[in-house]
Amino acid sequence: MVSTTIDLLKKDLPVEEGSLVLSQDVKTGLVIVDVVNGFCTVGAGNLAPTQPDKQISDMVEESVRLARLFCEKKLPVFAFLDSHHPDIPEPPYPPHCIAGTDESRLVTALQWLENEPNATLKCKDCIDGFLGSIEKDGSNLFVDWIKNNQIKAILVVGICTDICVLDFVCSTLSARNRRMLTPLEDVNVYSSACATFDLPVHVAKNIDGALAHPQDLMHHIGLYMAKGRGARIVSEVSFADLKETCV
């Protein structure tokens, strides 16, 4: 039934995906959204998968591959880490990714970014990373990263496609349209390096207050909404001077 619904949705709400070739002509930065244990590592917390999840593991693998390539090419990387104060809830979600715990750390395969000079890491205490980048003095770390590195395009990967990734993309596009992010022009979302969680209807109805969240369906909706706001959805990423391609 779910697969039939997804097929119908993709037919009625198609998402055209292109390929992205990165070159020295357009400086591109990689933005990694919340690839932390609390969302990606089995059993790591209230919002972590309870069993191995292919969509999430594929997202992690692609994100790691891209992060390696970007750092090898000395291209800027910005990583958001969901991180919450234990006394400040984030309705409607249960406590998760508490600051200072392993939940709020990057997954093991990405923890090398903590010591990577080419990477900027930002702990965020809200869904939208753009808002989460606002500092106490009113400055915005993400905005400064774009301007200081003279980034013309970003490639966004991470979790969840329809929540943190989508909210960040929408805010970034609005800020770009208001000329707050000069010289940023293009926002690309790499579909194969994004993922969301799975909460089937039959499980959700037994959890008080929970909303069903079928994974493939919501992943598609997240991509569709991002494209509708002006993002470019890509299914393939390659470097002009490298043979390696991410698909």
Protein backbone atom coordinates (compact mmCIF):
# COMPACT_ATOMS: atom_id res chain seq x y z
CA MET A 1 0.00 0.00 0.00
CA VAL A 2 2.79 2.44 0.97
CA SER A 3 4.82 1.64 -2.15
CA THR A 4 1.74 2.22 -4.31
CA THR A 5 1.17 5.58 -2.63
CA ILE A 6 4.80 6.58 -3.23
CA ASP A 7 4.60 5.59 -6.88
CA LEU A 8 1.46 7.69 -7.33
CA LEU A 9 3.03 10.60 -5.48
CA LYS A 10 6.14 10.53 -7.63
CA LYS A 11 3.96 10.47 -10.72
CA ASP A 12 1.80 13.40 -9.64
CA LEU A 13 4.58 15.32 -7.88
CA PRO A 14 7.74 14.48 -9.82
CA VAL A 15 11.10 15.79 -8.69
CA GLU A 16 13.46 16.35 -11.59
CA GLU A 17 17.02 15.59 -10.52
CA GLY A 18 20.16 16.71 -12.30
CA SER A 19 23.88 16.09 -12.00
CA LEU A 20 26.38 18.47 -10.44
CA VAL A 21 29.93 18.84 -11.70
CA LEU A 22 32.13 20.76 -9.30
CA SER A 23 34.91 22.84 -10.77
CA GLN A 24 37.32 25.58 -9.74
CA ASP A 25 35.21 28.08 -11.68
CA VAL A 26 32.44 28.05 -9.03
CA LYS A 27 33.59 27.83 -5.42
CA THR A 28 31.31 25.33 -3.71
CA GLY A 29 30.96 24.57 -0.01
CA LEU A 30 29.64 21.37 1.51
CA VAL A 31 26.98 21.68 4.23
CA ILE A 32 26.43 18.59 6.39
CA VAL A 33 23.22 18.68 8.42
CA ASP A 34 23.01 16.70 11.68
CA VAL A 35 24.88 13.55 10.73
CA VAL A 36 25.18 12.79 14.43
CA ASN A 37 24.79 9.63 16.48
CA GLY A 38 21.44 10.72 17.88
CA PHE A 39 19.87 10.55 14.41
CA CYS A 40 22.03 7.99 12.60
CA THR A 41 23.49 5.38 14.96
CA VAL A 42 21.30 2.41 15.88
CA GLY A 43 20.10 2.62 19.47
CA ALA A 44 21.91 5.90 20.21
CA GLY A 45 18.88 7.79 21.53
CA ASN A 46 15.18 8.58 21.39
CA LEU A 47 15.33 9.68 17.73
CA ALA A 48 17.95 7.23 16.52
CA PRO A 49 17.03 4.25 14.32
CA THR A 50 16.11 1.16 16.32
CA GLN A 51 17.54 -1.16 13.68
CA PRO A 52 19.87 -0.83 10.67
CA ASP A 53 18.33 1.54 8.13
CA LYS A 54 19.58 1.47 4.54
CA GLN A 55 18.49 5.01 3.61
CA ILE A 56 20.31 6.42 6.63
CA SER A 57 23.44 4.29 6.23
CA ASP A 58 23.66 5.19 2.53
CA MET A 59 23.34 8.87 3.46
CA VAL A 60 26.15 8.57 5.99
CA GLU A 61 28.40 6.79 3.49
CA GLU A 62 27.85 9.42 0.79
CA SER A 63 28.31 12.28 3.26
CA VAL A 64 31.62 10.84 4.44
CA ARG A 65 32.82 10.34 0.86
CA LEU A 66 31.98 13.91 -0.09
CA ALA A 67 33.53 15.32 3.07
CA ARG A 68 36.79 13.51 2.25
CA LEU A 69 36.78 14.80 -1.32
CA PHE A 70 36.00 18.38 -0.30
CA CYS A 71 38.77 18.40 2.30
CA GLU A 72 41.26 16.89 -0.14
CA LYS A 73 40.39 19.67 -2.57
CA LYS A 74 40.67 22.30 0.22
CA LEU A 75 37.03 23.27 -0.31
CA PRO A 76 35.13 24.57 2.73
CA VAL A 77 32.93 22.26 4.80
CA PHE A 78 30.28 23.36 7.31
CA ALA A 79 28.76 20.74 9.64
CA PHE A 80 25.72 21.28 11.86
CA LEU A 81 25.47 19.19 15.03
CA ASP A 82 22.08 19.00 16.71
CA SER A 83 22.79 19.82 20.36
CA HIS A 84 20.22 20.65 23.05
CA HIS A 85 20.31 21.86 26.64
CA PRO A 86 18.74 19.19 28.87
CA ASP A 87 16.33 21.70 30.43
CA ILE A 88 15.10 23.22 27.16
CA PRO A 89 12.71 20.87 25.30
CA GLU A 90 12.06 20.97 21.56
CA PRO A 91 8.37 20.12 21.12
CA PRO A 92 7.00 17.92 19.63
CA TYR A 93 10.14 15.80 19.90
CA PRO A 94 11.29 13.89 23.00
CA PRO A 95 14.68 14.75 24.57
CA HIS A 96 17.46 14.06 22.07
CA CYS A 97 21.03 14.98 21.16
CA ILE A 98 21.74 16.44 24.61
CA ALA A 99 24.81 18.68 24.58
CA GLY A 100 27.95 16.97 25.79
CA THR A 101 26.71 13.44 25.09
CA ASP A 102 27.69 11.04 22.33
CA GLU A 103 24.26 11.64 20.77
CA SER A 104 25.29 15.16 19.76
CA ARG A 105 28.63 14.08 18.24
CA LEU A 106 29.20 13.36 14.58
CA VAL A 107 28.95 9.70 13.64
CA THR A 108 32.21 7.81 14.09
CA ALA A 109 33.03 7.91 10.38
CA LEU A 110 32.91 11.73 10.41
CA GLN A 111 34.53 12.52 13.74
CA TRP A 112 37.82 13.31 12.00
CA LEU A 113 36.13 16.57 10.94
CA GLU A 114 36.48 17.74 14.56
CA ASN A 115 40.21 18.23 13.88
CA GLU A 116 39.98 19.22 10.22
CA PRO A 117 41.13 22.83 9.63
CA ASN A 118 39.00 23.02 6.49
CA ALA A 119 35.79 22.30 8.43
CA THR A 120 33.58 24.59 10.50
CA LEU A 121 31.41 22.84 13.08
CA LYS A 122 28.33 24.46 14.61
CA CYS A 123 26.24 23.04 17.44
CA LYS A 124 22.63 24.07 16.91
CA ASP A 125 19.77 23.96 19.40
CA CYS A 126 16.88 24.21 16.95
CA ILE A 127 15.56 22.53 13.81
CA ASP A 128 16.67 25.29 11.42
CA GLY A 129 20.45 25.50 11.17
CA PHE A 130 20.32 28.99 9.66
CA LEU A 131 18.61 30.28 12.81
CA GLY A 132 20.81 28.04 14.94
CA SER A 133 23.87 29.82 13.54
CA ILE A 134 22.90 33.14 15.14
CA GLU A 135 25.41 34.02 17.85
CA LYS A 136 24.76 35.97 21.06
CA ASP A 137 26.18 39.13 19.47
CA GLY A 138 23.68 38.87 16.59
CA SER A 139 26.20 37.65 14.01
CA ASN A 140 25.54 34.49 12.03
CA LEU A 141 28.31 31.91 11.73
CA PHE A 142 26.89 30.39 8.54
CA VAL A 143 26.51 33.78 6.87
CA ASP A 144 30.10 34.64 7.85
CA TRP A 145 31.29 31.29 6.48
CA ILE A 146 29.68 32.02 3.10
CA LYS A 147 31.11 35.53 2.92
CA ASN A 148 34.59 34.79 4.28
CA ASN A 149 35.08 31.89 1.88
CA GLN A 150 33.39 33.68 -1.04
CA ILE A 151 31.17 30.66 -1.67
CA LYS A 152 28.98 30.79 -4.78
CA ALA A 153 27.21 27.46 -4.35
CA ILE A 154 26.52 25.01 -1.56
CA LEU A 155 25.87 21.28 -1.64
CA VAL A 156 23.58 20.17 1.19
CA VAL A 157 23.51 16.65 2.64
CA GLY A 158 22.22 15.12 5.86
CA ILE A 159 19.17 14.27 7.91
CA CYS A 160 16.21 14.69 8.02
CA THR A 161 15.33 15.48 4.40
CA ASP A 162 11.91 16.89 5.27
CA ILE A 163 12.78 18.52 8.60
CA CYS A 164 16.23 19.94 9.43
CA VAL A 165 17.54 19.77 5.86
CA LEU A 166 14.38 21.34 4.41
CA ASP A 167 14.12 24.09 7.03
CA PHE A 168 17.77 25.06 6.58
CA VAL A 169 17.46 25.08 2.79
CA CYS A 170 14.31 27.22 2.86
CA SER A 171 15.84 29.80 5.20
CA THR A 172 19.05 29.89 3.18
CA LEU A 173 17.15 30.46 -0.05
CA SER A 174 15.14 33.28 1.55
CA ALA A 175 18.33 34.88 2.88
CA ARG A 176 19.96 34.55 -0.54
CA ASN A 177 16.97 36.19 -2.21
CA ARG A 178 17.25 39.08 0.23
CA ARG A 179 20.96 39.45 -0.69
CA MET A 180 22.07 38.51 2.81
CA LEU A 181 24.37 35.77 1.53
CA THR A 182 26.32 37.41 -1.28
CA PRO A 183 28.03 35.89 -3.26
CA LEU A 184 25.92 32.71 -2.81
CA GLU A 185 23.89 31.86 -5.89
CA ASP A 186 22.99 28.16 -5.96
CA VAL A 187 21.68 25.79 -3.29
CA ASN A 188 22.02 22.14 -4.31
CA VAL A 189 20.51 19.23 -2.37
CA TYR A 190 22.08 15.82 -3.01
CA SER A 191 19.19 13.37 -2.79
CA SER A 192 21.25 10.21 -2.23
CA ALA A 193 23.11 11.86 0.64
CA CYS A 194 19.93 12.87 2.45
CA ALA A 195 17.71 10.66 4.58
CA THR A 196 14.85 10.78 7.02
CA PHE A 197 13.44 8.50 9.71
CA ASP A 198 10.78 5.81 9.39
CA LEU A 199 7.68 5.67 11.59
CA PRO A 200 5.04 3.50 9.91
CA VAL A 201 1.34 4.10 10.50
CA HIS A 202 0.86 0.88 12.46
CA VAL A 203 3.62 1.88 14.87
CA ALA A 204 2.65 5.56 15.19
CA LYS A 205 -0.95 4.79 16.16
CA ASN A 206 0.31 3.02 19.28
CA ILE A 207 2.37 6.04 20.38
CA ASP A 208 0.41 8.81 22.07
CA GLY A 209 0.56 12.01 20.01
CA ALA A 210 2.81 10.56 17.31
CA LEU A 211 2.35 11.30 13.62
CA ALA A 212 2.99 8.61 11.05
CA HIS A 213 6.16 9.27 9.05
CA PRO A 214 6.74 6.73 6.24
CA GLN A 215 10.37 7.14 5.27
CA ASP A 216 10.38 6.99 1.46
CA LEU A 217 7.25 9.11 1.21
CA MET A 218 8.54 11.89 3.48
CA HIS A 219 11.98 11.82 1.87
CA HIS A 220 10.34 12.49 -1.50
CA ILE A 221 8.14 15.23 -0.06
CA GLY A 222 11.17 16.90 1.50
CA LEU A 223 12.98 16.97 -1.85
CA TYR A 224 9.84 18.19 -3.62
CA MET A 225 9.37 21.04 -1.15
CA ALA A 226 13.03 22.05 -1.36
CA LYS A 227 12.84 22.15 -5.15
CA GLY A 228 9.65 24.18 -4.96
CA ARG A 229 11.45 26.78 -2.86
CA GLY A 230 14.23 27.13 -5.41
CA ALA A 231 16.82 24.49 -4.55
CA ARG A 232 18.36 22.31 -7.23
CA ILE A 233 18.02 18.59 -6.52
CA VAL A 234 20.91 16.47 -7.78
CA SER A 235 21.32 12.71 -7.90
CA GLU A 236 24.96 12.70 -8.99
CA VAL A 237 27.98 14.73 -7.87
CA SER A 238 31.41 14.71 -9.48
CA PHE A 239 34.54 16.83 -9.65
CA ALA A 240 35.65 18.14 -13.03
CA ASP A 241 39.26 17.06 -12.49
CA LEU A 242 38.55 13.80 -10.70
CA LYS A 243 37.24 10.53 -12.03
CA GLU A 244 35.41 9.74 -8.79
CA THR A 245 31.67 10.28 -8.95
CA CYS A 246 29.13 10.13 -6.12
CA VAL A 247 25.86 8.58 -7.25
